[in-house]
Amino acid sequence: MKLNIKELIVRVIILLIGLTIAHLGVTLFLLADLGADPFNVLVQGIFRTMSKVPVLAFLTHGYTHIAICFLIILVLLIVDRSYIKIGTILCMVCGGPIIDFFSLILAPVFAEMAFLLKIIMLALGCVILACGMTIVIKSDAGTGPNDLVAVVISDKSKKKFGIVRIIVDISFVAAGFLMGGVVGIGTIICACLVGPVAGVIMPCSEKLVKKAVGVLVK
C-alpha cells in the first residue's frame, strides 16, 4: 500500500489536537489534588519501592515513568508491533510539557476552589481526558500507556474497551497502592469513569476523524 504523506500529516495533526485535549483533562484532574490518575499511582508505587534500593538512588519519578512506558512498548513489540506507532511516542514526549503549560494557567484558579467544585472539575477533567484520548486512538497513530494496554487487550479478547480500561486501571491502582502509591477519591473516579466515557465517545470520535481526514485529504 502506497504511503499517503498528506494523510499521514493530517492524522498526526488530529493526533496532536487529541493529545492537547486529553492532557487538558489530565491537568484538571491533577490540579483537583484528589489523588493521581491510575497510571501515575502505579508509577508512584514503583518509584517509591525502587528508590529504597541504594543502587537505584539516582532514579526520579520522571525516569521511572519513562522506563515503565518503554517497558510497556517493549512488551507490546513482542505481542504485536502494529500497536506501536508515532502517537505512542508523542504521548510520552508531549504529555509533560502540555500539562506544565495548562498547569501554569489553571493552578491559581484551582487554589481558590471549594472542595465540591474541585470534585466537579475532576469529573469534567475525566470526561475531557476520555474525549481527547478517543481522538488520539481513532487517529490510528497510537496512544498513551493505560489506553495502549487496554486497546490491545480489548482487541485481542473482543471485549468492550470501557470494561477492559476499568480492569486495567484498577489493576494499576491496586499494584501501585500496594507499593506505596497515593490513592484519593479522584483516582477512584478516574479509574471508573474514563473507560466507560471513552467507550461511549469512541464511535463519534471515529466518525469525526474519518470526516476530518476525508475533507482534508483529496
N, C-alpha and C. Protein backbone atom coordinates (compact mmCIF):
# COMPACT_ATOMS: atom_id res chain seq x y z
N MET A 1 0.85 -1.21 0.00
CA MET A 1 0.00 0.00 0.00
C MET A 1 0.88 1.25 0.00
N LYS A 2 0.62 2.16 -0.95
CA LYS A 2 1.43 3.38 -1.07
C LYS A 2 1.15 4.31 0.11
N LEU A 3 2.23 4.84 0.69
CA LEU A 3 2.10 5.76 1.82
C LEU A 3 1.61 7.11 1.32
N ASN A 4 0.48 7.56 1.88
CA ASN A 4 -0.06 8.86 1.54
C ASN A 4 0.46 9.88 2.55
N ILE A 5 1.46 10.66 2.14
CA ILE A 5 2.12 11.60 3.05
C ILE A 5 1.13 12.63 3.58
N LYS A 6 0.26 13.11 2.71
CA LYS A 6 -0.72 14.13 3.12
C LYS A 6 -1.65 13.59 4.20
N GLU A 7 -2.11 12.36 4.01
CA GLU A 7 -3.00 11.75 5.01
C GLU A 7 -2.27 11.54 6.33
N LEU A 8 -1.00 11.13 6.25
CA LEU A 8 -0.20 10.93 7.46
C LEU A 8 -0.07 12.24 8.24
N ILE A 9 0.20 13.34 7.52
CA ILE A 9 0.33 14.66 8.17
C ILE A 9 -0.97 15.06 8.84
N VAL A 10 -2.09 14.85 8.14
CA VAL A 10 -3.40 15.20 8.69
C VAL A 10 -3.69 14.39 9.94
N ARG A 11 -3.39 13.09 9.90
CA ARG A 11 -3.64 12.23 11.06
C ARG A 11 -2.76 12.62 12.26
N VAL A 12 -1.52 13.03 11.99
CA VAL A 12 -0.64 13.47 13.07
C VAL A 12 -1.16 14.77 13.69
N ILE A 13 -1.68 15.68 12.84
CA ILE A 13 -2.27 16.93 13.35
C ILE A 13 -3.47 16.62 14.23
N ILE A 14 -4.34 15.71 13.77
CA ILE A 14 -5.50 15.30 14.56
C ILE A 14 -5.04 14.66 15.87
N LEU A 15 -4.00 13.86 15.77
CA LEU A 15 -3.42 13.21 16.96
C LEU A 15 -2.97 14.26 17.98
N LEU A 16 -2.27 15.31 17.51
CA LEU A 16 -1.77 16.35 18.41
C LEU A 16 -2.92 17.14 19.05
N ILE A 17 -3.99 17.34 18.29
CA ILE A 17 -5.18 18.01 18.84
C ILE A 17 -5.77 17.14 19.95
N GLY A 18 -5.88 15.83 19.65
CA GLY A 18 -6.40 14.90 20.65
C GLY A 18 -5.53 14.85 21.90
N LEU A 19 -4.20 14.88 21.70
CA LEU A 19 -3.26 14.88 22.83
C LEU A 19 -3.45 16.11 23.70
N THR A 20 -3.62 17.27 23.04
CA THR A 20 -3.80 18.51 23.78
C THR A 20 -5.09 18.47 24.61
N ILE A 21 -6.18 17.99 23.98
CA ILE A 21 -7.46 17.88 24.69
C ILE A 21 -7.32 16.91 25.87
N ALA A 22 -6.70 15.75 25.60
CA ALA A 22 -6.55 14.73 26.64
C ALA A 22 -5.74 15.25 27.82
N HIS A 23 -4.67 15.96 27.54
CA HIS A 23 -3.80 16.43 28.63
C HIS A 23 -4.37 17.65 29.35
N LEU A 24 -5.31 18.35 28.70
CA LEU A 24 -6.07 19.36 29.43
C LEU A 24 -6.90 18.66 30.50
N GLY A 25 -7.50 17.52 30.12
CA GLY A 25 -8.26 16.72 31.08
C GLY A 25 -7.38 16.22 32.21
N VAL A 26 -6.17 15.74 31.88
CA VAL A 26 -5.24 15.25 32.90
C VAL A 26 -4.85 16.39 33.85
N THR A 27 -4.65 17.59 33.28
CA THR A 27 -4.28 18.75 34.10
C THR A 27 -5.38 19.10 35.09
N LEU A 28 -6.62 19.12 34.63
CA LEU A 28 -7.75 19.38 35.52
C LEU A 28 -7.79 18.34 36.63
N PHE A 29 -7.51 17.11 36.26
CA PHE A 29 -7.51 16.00 37.21
C PHE A 29 -6.45 16.22 38.29
N LEU A 30 -5.22 16.50 37.87
CA LEU A 30 -4.11 16.66 38.81
C LEU A 30 -4.27 17.90 39.69
N LEU A 31 -4.78 18.98 39.11
CA LEU A 31 -4.95 20.22 39.87
C LEU A 31 -6.05 20.11 40.93
N ALA A 32 -6.97 19.15 40.73
CA ALA A 32 -8.01 18.94 41.74
C ALA A 32 -7.39 18.42 43.05
N ASP A 33 -6.16 17.89 42.96
CA ASP A 33 -5.39 17.48 44.14
C ASP A 33 -6.16 16.45 44.99
N LEU A 34 -6.75 15.48 44.30
CA LEU A 34 -7.56 14.46 44.99
C LEU A 34 -7.07 13.05 44.67
N GLY A 35 -5.78 12.92 44.42
CA GLY A 35 -5.20 11.62 44.07
C GLY A 35 -4.68 11.64 42.65
N ALA A 36 -3.76 10.75 42.33
CA ALA A 36 -3.18 10.67 40.98
C ALA A 36 -4.06 9.79 40.10
N ASP A 37 -3.86 9.91 38.77
CA ASP A 37 -4.58 9.01 37.86
C ASP A 37 -3.98 7.61 37.99
N PRO A 38 -4.70 6.56 37.55
CA PRO A 38 -4.26 5.18 37.79
C PRO A 38 -2.83 4.86 37.37
N PHE A 39 -2.42 5.32 36.19
CA PHE A 39 -1.07 5.00 35.72
C PHE A 39 -0.02 5.62 36.63
N ASN A 40 -0.29 6.86 37.08
CA ASN A 40 0.69 7.53 37.94
C ASN A 40 0.70 6.98 39.36
N VAL A 41 -0.40 6.36 39.79
CA VAL A 41 -0.39 5.64 41.08
C VAL A 41 0.59 4.47 40.97
N LEU A 42 0.54 3.78 39.83
CA LEU A 42 1.47 2.68 39.59
C LEU A 42 2.92 3.19 39.56
N VAL A 43 3.13 4.30 38.83
CA VAL A 43 4.48 4.88 38.73
C VAL A 43 4.98 5.29 40.12
N GLN A 44 4.11 5.96 40.90
CA GLN A 44 4.48 6.38 42.27
C GLN A 44 4.93 5.18 43.10
N GLY A 45 4.12 4.11 43.04
CA GLY A 45 4.41 2.92 43.83
C GLY A 45 5.74 2.28 43.45
N ILE A 46 5.96 2.13 42.13
CA ILE A 46 7.21 1.52 41.66
C ILE A 46 8.40 2.40 42.02
N PHE A 47 8.23 3.73 41.83
CA PHE A 47 9.31 4.66 42.15
C PHE A 47 9.69 4.59 43.63
N ARG A 48 8.68 4.61 44.51
CA ARG A 48 8.96 4.58 45.95
C ARG A 48 9.58 3.26 46.39
N THR A 49 9.19 2.18 45.72
CA THR A 49 9.77 0.88 46.04
C THR A 49 11.23 0.82 45.59
N MET A 50 11.48 1.26 44.34
CA MET A 50 12.83 1.19 43.77
C MET A 50 13.79 2.17 44.44
N SER A 51 13.26 3.33 44.88
CA SER A 51 14.13 4.34 45.49
C SER A 51 14.70 3.90 46.84
N LYS A 52 14.14 2.83 47.40
CA LYS A 52 14.65 2.30 48.67
C LYS A 52 15.90 1.44 48.46
N VAL A 53 16.14 1.08 47.18
CA VAL A 53 17.32 0.29 46.85
C VAL A 53 18.49 1.25 46.61
N PRO A 54 19.55 1.19 47.42
CA PRO A 54 20.67 2.15 47.32
C PRO A 54 21.24 2.29 45.91
N VAL A 55 21.33 1.20 45.18
CA VAL A 55 21.93 1.23 43.84
C VAL A 55 21.09 2.07 42.88
N LEU A 56 19.75 2.17 43.16
CA LEU A 56 18.84 2.87 42.25
C LEU A 56 18.48 4.27 42.76
N ALA A 57 19.30 4.82 43.63
CA ALA A 57 19.02 6.12 44.24
C ALA A 57 18.97 7.26 43.22
N PHE A 58 19.59 7.05 42.05
CA PHE A 58 19.61 8.10 41.01
C PHE A 58 18.26 8.26 40.34
N LEU A 59 17.37 7.29 40.48
CA LEU A 59 16.08 7.33 39.80
C LEU A 59 15.20 8.47 40.32
N THR A 60 14.47 9.09 39.40
CA THR A 60 13.46 10.08 39.78
C THR A 60 12.10 9.56 39.32
N HIS A 61 11.04 10.24 39.74
CA HIS A 61 9.69 9.86 39.30
C HIS A 61 9.60 9.90 37.78
N GLY A 62 10.21 10.97 37.18
CA GLY A 62 10.17 11.11 35.73
C GLY A 62 10.86 9.98 35.00
N TYR A 63 12.05 9.59 35.49
CA TYR A 63 12.78 8.48 34.87
C TYR A 63 11.99 7.17 35.00
N THR A 64 11.36 7.00 36.16
CA THR A 64 10.57 5.78 36.39
C THR A 64 9.40 5.73 35.42
N HIS A 65 8.73 6.88 35.23
CA HIS A 65 7.59 6.98 34.31
C HIS A 65 8.01 6.57 32.90
N ILE A 66 9.12 7.15 32.43
CA ILE A 66 9.62 6.85 31.08
C ILE A 66 10.00 5.37 30.97
N ALA A 67 10.66 4.84 32.01
CA ALA A 67 11.09 3.44 31.99
C ALA A 67 9.89 2.49 31.88
N ILE A 68 8.82 2.78 32.64
CA ILE A 68 7.63 1.92 32.60
C ILE A 68 6.96 2.01 31.23
N CYS A 69 6.90 3.23 30.68
CA CYS A 69 6.31 3.41 29.34
C CYS A 69 7.06 2.58 28.30
N PHE A 70 8.38 2.65 28.35
CA PHE A 70 9.16 1.90 27.37
C PHE A 70 9.12 0.40 27.62
N LEU A 71 8.92 0.00 28.87
CA LEU A 71 8.75 -1.42 29.16
C LEU A 71 7.45 -1.93 28.54
N ILE A 72 6.39 -1.12 28.65
CA ILE A 72 5.10 -1.48 28.03
C ILE A 72 5.27 -1.59 26.52
N ILE A 73 5.99 -0.63 25.93
CA ILE A 73 6.24 -0.68 24.49
C ILE A 73 7.01 -1.94 24.10
N LEU A 74 8.02 -2.28 24.91
CA LEU A 74 8.83 -3.48 24.63
C LEU A 74 7.97 -4.74 24.64
N VAL A 75 7.08 -4.83 25.65
CA VAL A 75 6.19 -6.00 25.74
C VAL A 75 5.27 -6.04 24.53
N LEU A 76 4.72 -4.88 24.15
CA LEU A 76 3.79 -4.84 23.02
C LEU A 76 4.49 -5.09 21.68
N LEU A 77 5.77 -4.73 21.60
CA LEU A 77 6.53 -5.05 20.38
C LEU A 77 6.62 -6.56 20.19
N ILE A 78 6.69 -7.27 21.32
CA ILE A 78 6.75 -8.73 21.28
C ILE A 78 5.36 -9.31 20.96
N VAL A 79 4.32 -8.71 21.59
CA VAL A 79 2.94 -9.21 21.42
C VAL A 79 2.43 -8.90 20.01
N ASP A 80 2.51 -7.63 19.62
CA ASP A 80 2.02 -7.20 18.31
C ASP A 80 2.54 -5.81 18.01
N ARG A 81 3.55 -5.70 17.17
CA ARG A 81 4.21 -4.42 16.94
C ARG A 81 3.33 -3.40 16.21
N SER A 82 2.21 -3.84 15.63
CA SER A 82 1.34 -2.91 14.89
C SER A 82 0.71 -1.86 15.80
N TYR A 83 0.72 -2.10 17.12
CA TYR A 83 0.13 -1.15 18.05
C TYR A 83 1.09 -0.01 18.41
N ILE A 84 2.36 -0.18 18.12
CA ILE A 84 3.36 0.84 18.45
C ILE A 84 3.51 1.78 17.27
N LYS A 85 3.03 3.02 17.45
CA LYS A 85 3.02 3.98 16.35
C LYS A 85 3.57 5.33 16.84
N ILE A 86 3.56 6.30 15.94
CA ILE A 86 4.12 7.62 16.26
C ILE A 86 3.41 8.25 17.45
N GLY A 87 2.11 8.02 17.57
CA GLY A 87 1.35 8.60 18.68
C GLY A 87 1.78 8.07 20.03
N THR A 88 2.22 6.83 20.06
CA THR A 88 2.69 6.22 21.30
C THR A 88 3.88 7.01 21.85
N ILE A 89 4.80 7.35 20.95
CA ILE A 89 5.98 8.12 21.35
C ILE A 89 5.60 9.56 21.68
N LEU A 90 4.73 10.17 20.86
CA LEU A 90 4.31 11.55 21.08
C LEU A 90 3.61 11.71 22.43
N CYS A 91 2.81 10.70 22.81
CA CYS A 91 2.10 10.76 24.10
C CYS A 91 3.10 10.89 25.25
N MET A 92 4.22 10.18 25.15
CA MET A 92 5.22 10.20 26.21
C MET A 92 6.03 11.50 26.19
N VAL A 93 6.37 11.97 24.98
CA VAL A 93 7.23 13.15 24.85
C VAL A 93 6.45 14.45 25.09
N CYS A 94 5.21 14.51 24.58
CA CYS A 94 4.44 15.77 24.62
C CYS A 94 3.61 15.94 25.88
N GLY A 95 3.26 14.84 26.54
CA GLY A 95 2.34 14.91 27.68
C GLY A 95 2.77 15.85 28.77
N GLY A 96 4.01 15.70 29.23
CA GLY A 96 4.53 16.53 30.32
C GLY A 96 4.50 18.01 30.01
N PRO A 97 5.09 18.44 28.88
CA PRO A 97 5.08 19.88 28.54
C PRO A 97 3.67 20.46 28.41
N ILE A 98 2.73 19.68 27.83
CA ILE A 98 1.35 20.18 27.69
C ILE A 98 0.72 20.39 29.06
N ILE A 99 0.93 19.42 29.96
CA ILE A 99 0.38 19.54 31.32
C ILE A 99 1.00 20.73 32.04
N ASP A 100 2.32 20.91 31.89
CA ASP A 100 3.01 22.05 32.51
C ASP A 100 2.44 23.38 32.02
N PHE A 101 2.15 23.44 30.72
CA PHE A 101 1.60 24.66 30.12
C PHE A 101 0.23 24.99 30.71
N PHE A 102 -0.66 23.99 30.75
CA PHE A 102 -2.00 24.22 31.29
C PHE A 102 -1.96 24.48 32.79
N SER A 103 -1.03 23.82 33.48
CA SER A 103 -0.93 23.98 34.94
C SER A 103 -0.63 25.42 35.33
N LEU A 104 0.28 26.05 34.58
CA LEU A 104 0.65 27.45 34.86
C LEU A 104 -0.57 28.37 34.79
N ILE A 105 -1.43 28.10 33.81
CA ILE A 105 -2.61 28.94 33.60
C ILE A 105 -3.70 28.65 34.63
N LEU A 106 -3.91 27.36 34.93
CA LEU A 106 -5.07 26.95 35.73
C LEU A 106 -4.80 26.83 37.24
N ALA A 107 -3.53 26.68 37.64
CA ALA A 107 -3.22 26.47 39.07
C ALA A 107 -3.78 27.56 39.98
N PRO A 108 -3.64 28.86 39.63
CA PRO A 108 -4.19 29.91 40.51
C PRO A 108 -5.71 29.80 40.68
N VAL A 109 -6.39 29.36 39.63
CA VAL A 109 -7.86 29.22 39.68
C VAL A 109 -8.24 28.09 40.65
N PHE A 110 -7.55 26.96 40.55
CA PHE A 110 -7.86 25.80 41.39
C PHE A 110 -7.54 26.07 42.86
N ALA A 111 -6.55 26.91 43.11
CA ALA A 111 -6.15 27.20 44.50
C ALA A 111 -7.30 27.83 45.29
N GLU A 112 -8.19 28.54 44.59
CA GLU A 112 -9.30 29.24 45.25
C GLU A 112 -10.58 28.42 45.30
N MET A 113 -10.57 27.24 44.70
CA MET A 113 -11.80 26.45 44.58
C MET A 113 -12.18 25.72 45.86
N ALA A 114 -13.49 25.60 46.09
CA ALA A 114 -14.01 24.80 47.20
C ALA A 114 -13.90 23.33 46.84
N PHE A 115 -13.97 22.45 47.85
CA PHE A 115 -13.80 21.01 47.65
C PHE A 115 -14.82 20.45 46.64
N LEU A 116 -16.09 20.82 46.78
CA LEU A 116 -17.15 20.30 45.90
C LEU A 116 -16.89 20.71 44.45
N LEU A 117 -16.45 21.94 44.26
CA LEU A 117 -16.16 22.42 42.92
C LEU A 117 -14.97 21.67 42.32
N LYS A 118 -14.01 21.32 43.18
CA LYS A 118 -12.87 20.52 42.70
C LYS A 118 -13.34 19.14 42.21
N ILE A 119 -14.31 18.56 42.93
CA ILE A 119 -14.87 17.26 42.51
C ILE A 119 -15.52 17.39 41.14
N ILE A 120 -16.29 18.47 40.95
CA ILE A 120 -16.96 18.71 39.66
C ILE A 120 -15.92 18.88 38.55
N MET A 121 -14.88 19.66 38.83
CA MET A 121 -13.83 19.88 37.84
C MET A 121 -13.05 18.60 37.55
N LEU A 122 -12.90 17.78 38.58
CA LEU A 122 -12.25 16.49 38.42
C LEU A 122 -13.03 15.60 37.46
N ALA A 123 -14.37 15.52 37.67
CA ALA A 123 -15.22 14.73 36.79
C ALA A 123 -15.17 15.28 35.36
N LEU A 124 -15.18 16.62 35.25
CA LEU A 124 -15.07 17.25 33.93
C LEU A 124 -13.73 16.89 33.28
N GLY A 125 -12.67 16.91 34.09
CA GLY A 125 -11.35 16.54 33.59
C GLY A 125 -11.32 15.11 33.06
N CYS A 126 -12.01 14.20 33.75
CA CYS A 126 -12.08 12.80 33.30
C CYS A 126 -12.78 12.69 31.95
N VAL A 127 -13.87 13.46 31.79
CA VAL A 127 -14.62 13.43 30.53
C VAL A 127 -13.77 14.02 29.40
N ILE A 128 -13.10 15.16 29.68
CA ILE A 128 -12.23 15.78 28.67
C ILE A 128 -11.09 14.83 28.30
N LEU A 129 -10.52 14.17 29.31
CA LEU A 129 -9.46 13.19 29.09
C LEU A 129 -9.94 12.08 28.16
N ALA A 130 -11.14 11.56 28.43
CA ALA A 130 -11.70 10.49 27.60
C ALA A 130 -11.93 10.95 26.16
N CYS A 131 -12.41 12.20 26.00
CA CYS A 131 -12.65 12.75 24.65
C CYS A 131 -11.34 12.85 23.87
N GLY A 132 -10.34 13.45 24.49
CA GLY A 132 -9.04 13.60 23.83
C GLY A 132 -8.41 12.26 23.51
N MET A 133 -8.53 11.33 24.46
CA MET A 133 -7.94 10.01 24.32
C MET A 133 -8.55 9.26 23.13
N THR A 134 -9.87 9.35 22.96
CA THR A 134 -10.51 8.62 21.86
C THR A 134 -10.14 9.22 20.50
N ILE A 135 -9.93 10.55 20.47
CA ILE A 135 -9.48 11.18 19.23
C ILE A 135 -8.08 10.68 18.88
N VAL A 136 -7.22 10.56 19.91
CA VAL A 136 -5.86 10.05 19.71
C VAL A 136 -5.92 8.62 19.18
N ILE A 137 -6.72 7.77 19.82
CA ILE A 137 -6.82 6.37 19.41
C ILE A 137 -7.36 6.25 17.98
N LYS A 138 -8.41 7.01 17.67
CA LYS A 138 -9.05 6.90 16.37
C LYS A 138 -8.28 7.61 15.26
N SER A 139 -7.25 8.39 15.63
CA SER A 139 -6.39 8.96 14.60
C SER A 139 -5.49 7.86 14.02
N ASP A 140 -5.57 6.68 14.62
CA ASP A 140 -4.82 5.49 14.17
C ASP A 140 -3.32 5.75 14.16
N ALA A 141 -2.86 6.39 15.24
CA ALA A 141 -1.44 6.72 15.31
C ALA A 141 -0.83 6.37 16.67
N GLY A 142 -1.53 5.52 17.44
CA GLY A 142 -1.02 5.13 18.75
C GLY A 142 -1.73 5.86 19.87
N THR A 143 -1.34 5.59 21.12
CA THR A 143 -1.96 6.26 22.27
C THR A 143 -1.08 6.11 23.50
N GLY A 144 -1.58 6.59 24.66
CA GLY A 144 -0.81 6.56 25.90
C GLY A 144 -0.78 5.19 26.56
N PRO A 145 -0.03 5.04 27.66
CA PRO A 145 0.21 3.72 28.27
C PRO A 145 -1.04 2.99 28.77
N ASN A 146 -1.92 3.67 29.52
CA ASN A 146 -3.14 2.99 30.01
C ASN A 146 -3.94 2.45 28.84
N ASP A 147 -4.15 3.35 27.87
CA ASP A 147 -5.02 3.03 26.75
C ASP A 147 -4.38 2.01 25.82
N LEU A 148 -3.07 2.07 25.70
CA LEU A 148 -2.35 1.12 24.85
C LEU A 148 -2.59 -0.30 25.36
N VAL A 149 -2.44 -0.49 26.66
CA VAL A 149 -2.68 -1.81 27.26
C VAL A 149 -4.14 -2.21 27.07
N ALA A 150 -5.06 -1.26 27.34
CA ALA A 150 -6.49 -1.55 27.25
C ALA A 150 -6.92 -1.85 25.81
N VAL A 151 -6.38 -1.09 24.84
CA VAL A 151 -6.72 -1.30 23.43
C VAL A 151 -6.28 -2.68 22.97
N VAL A 152 -5.04 -3.08 23.33
CA VAL A 152 -4.52 -4.38 22.92
C VAL A 152 -5.37 -5.51 23.51
N ILE A 153 -5.64 -5.44 24.82
CA ILE A 153 -6.46 -6.49 25.47
C ILE A 153 -7.86 -6.52 24.89
N SER A 154 -8.43 -5.32 24.66
CA SER A 154 -9.78 -5.23 24.09
C SER A 154 -9.84 -5.84 22.70
N ASP A 155 -8.86 -5.52 21.87
CA ASP A 155 -8.82 -6.07 20.50
C ASP A 155 -8.63 -7.58 20.51
N LYS A 156 -7.69 -8.04 21.33
CA LYS A 156 -7.36 -9.47 21.35
C LYS A 156 -8.47 -10.32 21.97
N SER A 157 -9.15 -9.76 22.98
CA SER A 157 -10.17 -10.54 23.70
C SER A 157 -11.58 -10.29 23.16
N LYS A 158 -11.71 -9.30 22.26
CA LYS A 158 -13.02 -8.91 21.69
C LYS A 158 -13.98 -8.42 22.77
N LYS A 159 -13.43 -7.85 23.84
CA LYS A 159 -14.25 -7.30 24.92
C LYS A 159 -14.38 -5.79 24.74
N LYS A 160 -15.43 -5.21 25.33
CA LYS A 160 -15.66 -3.77 25.22
C LYS A 160 -14.52 -2.99 25.86
N PHE A 161 -14.10 -1.93 25.15
CA PHE A 161 -12.96 -1.13 25.61
C PHE A 161 -13.20 -0.57 27.02
N GLY A 162 -14.42 -0.03 27.27
CA GLY A 162 -14.71 0.60 28.56
C GLY A 162 -14.49 -0.34 29.73
N ILE A 163 -14.97 -1.59 29.59
CA ILE A 163 -14.83 -2.59 30.67
C ILE A 163 -13.36 -2.94 30.87
N VAL A 164 -12.64 -3.15 29.74
CA VAL A 164 -11.21 -3.52 29.82
C VAL A 164 -10.41 -2.39 30.45
N ARG A 165 -10.72 -1.14 30.09
CA ARG A 165 -9.99 0.01 30.64
C ARG A 165 -10.19 0.10 32.16
N ILE A 166 -11.41 -0.18 32.65
CA ILE A 166 -11.65 -0.17 34.09
C ILE A 166 -10.79 -1.23 34.78
N ILE A 167 -10.73 -2.44 34.20
CA ILE A 167 -9.94 -3.54 34.78
C ILE A 167 -8.46 -3.17 34.80
N VAL A 168 -7.96 -2.59 33.68
CA VAL A 168 -6.55 -2.19 33.58
C VAL A 168 -6.25 -1.12 34.63
N ASP A 169 -7.12 -0.11 34.72
CA ASP A 169 -6.88 1.00 35.66
C ASP A 169 -6.92 0.53 37.11
N ILE A 170 -7.89 -0.32 37.44
CA ILE A 170 -7.99 -0.82 38.82
C ILE A 170 -6.77 -1.69 39.16
N SER A 171 -6.29 -2.45 38.17
CA SER A 171 -5.07 -3.26 38.38
C SER A 171 -3.87 -2.36 38.64
N PHE A 172 -3.74 -1.27 37.86
CA PHE A 172 -2.65 -0.30 38.06
C PHE A 172 -2.73 0.31 39.46
N VAL A 173 -3.96 0.71 39.85
CA VAL A 173 -4.17 1.35 41.16
C VAL A 173 -3.82 0.37 42.29
N ALA A 174 -4.31 -0.86 42.17
CA ALA A 174 -4.06 -1.87 43.22
C ALA A 174 -2.57 -2.14 43.37
N ALA A 175 -1.89 -2.36 42.24
CA ALA A 175 -0.45 -2.64 42.27
C ALA A 175 0.32 -1.45 42.84
N GLY A 176 -0.02 -0.25 42.38
CA GLY A 176 0.66 0.96 42.86
C GLY A 176 0.42 1.21 44.33
N PHE A 177 -0.82 1.02 44.77
CA PHE A 177 -1.19 1.25 46.18
C PHE A 177 -0.41 0.30 47.10
N LEU A 178 -0.28 -0.97 46.69
CA LEU A 178 0.44 -1.96 47.50
C LEU A 178 1.92 -1.60 47.65
N MET A 179 2.43 -0.83 46.66
CA MET A 179 3.84 -0.43 46.71
C MET A 179 4.03 0.99 47.26
N GLY A 180 2.94 1.63 47.68
CA GLY A 180 3.07 2.95 48.30
C GLY A 180 2.60 4.13 47.49
N GLY A 181 1.89 3.88 46.37
CA GLY A 181 1.36 4.97 45.56
C GLY A 181 0.20 5.67 46.26
N VAL A 182 0.01 6.96 45.98
CA VAL A 182 -1.05 7.74 46.63
C VAL A 182 -2.37 7.54 45.90
N VAL A 183 -3.40 7.15 46.65
CA VAL A 183 -4.74 6.95 46.09
C VAL A 183 -5.71 7.90 46.79
N GLY A 184 -6.51 8.62 46.01
CA GLY A 184 -7.52 9.50 46.57
C GLY A 184 -8.85 9.29 45.87
N ILE A 185 -9.85 10.08 46.23
CA ILE A 185 -11.16 9.94 45.61
C ILE A 185 -11.09 10.15 44.10
N GLY A 186 -10.18 11.04 43.68
CA GLY A 186 -10.01 11.31 42.25
C GLY A 186 -9.51 10.09 41.49
N THR A 187 -8.65 9.31 42.12
CA THR A 187 -8.13 8.09 41.49
C THR A 187 -9.27 7.12 41.19
N ILE A 188 -10.17 6.98 42.16
CA ILE A 188 -11.30 6.05 42.00
C ILE A 188 -12.25 6.55 40.92
N ILE A 189 -12.53 7.86 40.94
CA ILE A 189 -13.42 8.44 39.91
C ILE A 189 -12.83 8.21 38.53
N CYS A 190 -11.52 8.49 38.39
CA CYS A 190 -10.85 8.33 37.09
C CYS A 190 -10.87 6.87 36.63
N ALA A 191 -10.55 5.95 37.56
CA ALA A 191 -10.48 4.52 37.22
C ALA A 191 -11.82 3.99 36.74
N CYS A 192 -12.91 4.53 37.31
CA CYS A 192 -14.25 4.02 36.98
C CYS A 192 -14.95 4.80 35.87
N LEU A 193 -14.49 6.03 35.61
CA LEU A 193 -15.24 6.91 34.70
C LEU A 193 -14.65 6.99 33.30
N VAL A 194 -13.32 7.08 33.19
CA VAL A 194 -12.70 7.35 31.89
C VAL A 194 -13.00 6.26 30.86
N GLY A 195 -12.87 4.99 31.25
CA GLY A 195 -13.10 3.89 30.31
C GLY A 195 -14.50 3.89 29.71
N PRO A 196 -15.55 3.90 30.56
CA PRO A 196 -16.93 3.92 30.02
C PRO A 196 -17.22 5.15 29.16
N VAL A 197 -16.74 6.33 29.60
CA VAL A 197 -16.96 7.55 28.81
C VAL A 197 -16.28 7.41 27.45
N ALA A 198 -15.05 6.91 27.46
CA ALA A 198 -14.32 6.70 26.20
C ALA A 198 -15.06 5.71 25.30
N GLY A 199 -15.59 4.64 25.90
CA GLY A 199 -16.33 3.64 25.13
C GLY A 199 -17.54 4.23 24.43
N VAL A 200 -18.22 5.17 25.09
CA VAL A 200 -19.40 5.84 24.51
C VAL A 200 -18.98 6.82 23.42
N ILE A 201 -17.87 7.53 23.66
CA ILE A 201 -17.43 8.58 22.74
C ILE A 201 -16.74 8.02 21.50
N MET A 202 -16.17 6.82 21.60
CA MET A 202 -15.35 6.27 20.51
C MET A 202 -16.02 6.26 19.14
N PRO A 203 -17.28 5.79 19.03
CA PRO A 203 -17.92 5.79 17.69
C PRO A 203 -18.00 7.21 17.09
N CYS A 204 -18.30 8.21 17.94
CA CYS A 204 -18.37 9.61 17.48
C CYS A 204 -16.99 10.09 17.04
N SER A 205 -15.95 9.73 17.83
CA SER A 205 -14.58 10.14 17.51
C SER A 205 -14.13 9.54 16.19
N GLU A 206 -14.53 8.27 15.97
CA GLU A 206 -14.15 7.59 14.73
C GLU A 206 -14.74 8.31 13.52
N LYS A 207 -16.02 8.68 13.62
CA LYS A 207 -16.68 9.41 12.52
C LYS A 207 -16.03 10.77 12.31
N LEU A 208 -15.72 11.45 13.42
CA LEU A 208 -15.11 12.78 13.37
C LEU A 208 -13.76 12.73 12.68
N VAL A 209 -12.93 11.76 13.08
CA VAL A 209 -11.58 11.62 12.48
C VAL A 209 -11.67 11.28 11.00
N LYS A 210 -12.54 10.33 10.66
CA LYS A 210 -12.70 9.93 9.25
C LYS A 210 -13.17 11.10 8.39
N LYS A 211 -14.11 11.87 8.94
CA LYS A 211 -14.62 13.03 8.20
C LYS A 211 -13.54 14.07 8.01
N ALA A 212 -12.77 14.35 9.07
CA ALA A 212 -11.69 15.35 9.01
C ALA A 212 -10.63 14.92 7.98
N VAL A 213 -10.26 13.63 8.03
CA VAL A 213 -9.26 13.12 7.08
C VAL A 213 -9.80 13.18 5.65
N GLY A 214 -11.07 12.81 5.50
CA GLY A 214 -11.69 12.82 4.17
C GLY A 214 -11.79 14.22 3.58
N VAL A 215 -12.08 15.20 4.41
CA VAL A 215 -12.21 16.59 3.96
C VAL A 215 -10.84 17.18 3.59
N LEU A 216 -9.82 16.87 4.42
CA LEU A 216 -8.50 17.49 4.25
C LEU A 216 -7.60 16.75 3.26
N VAL A 217 -7.90 15.46 3.02
CA VAL A 217 -7.06 14.68 2.08
C VAL A 217 -7.87 14.42 0.81
N LYS A 218 -7.49 15.07 -0.25
CA LYS A 218 -8.19 14.91 -1.54
C LYS A 218 -7.20 14.73 -2.67
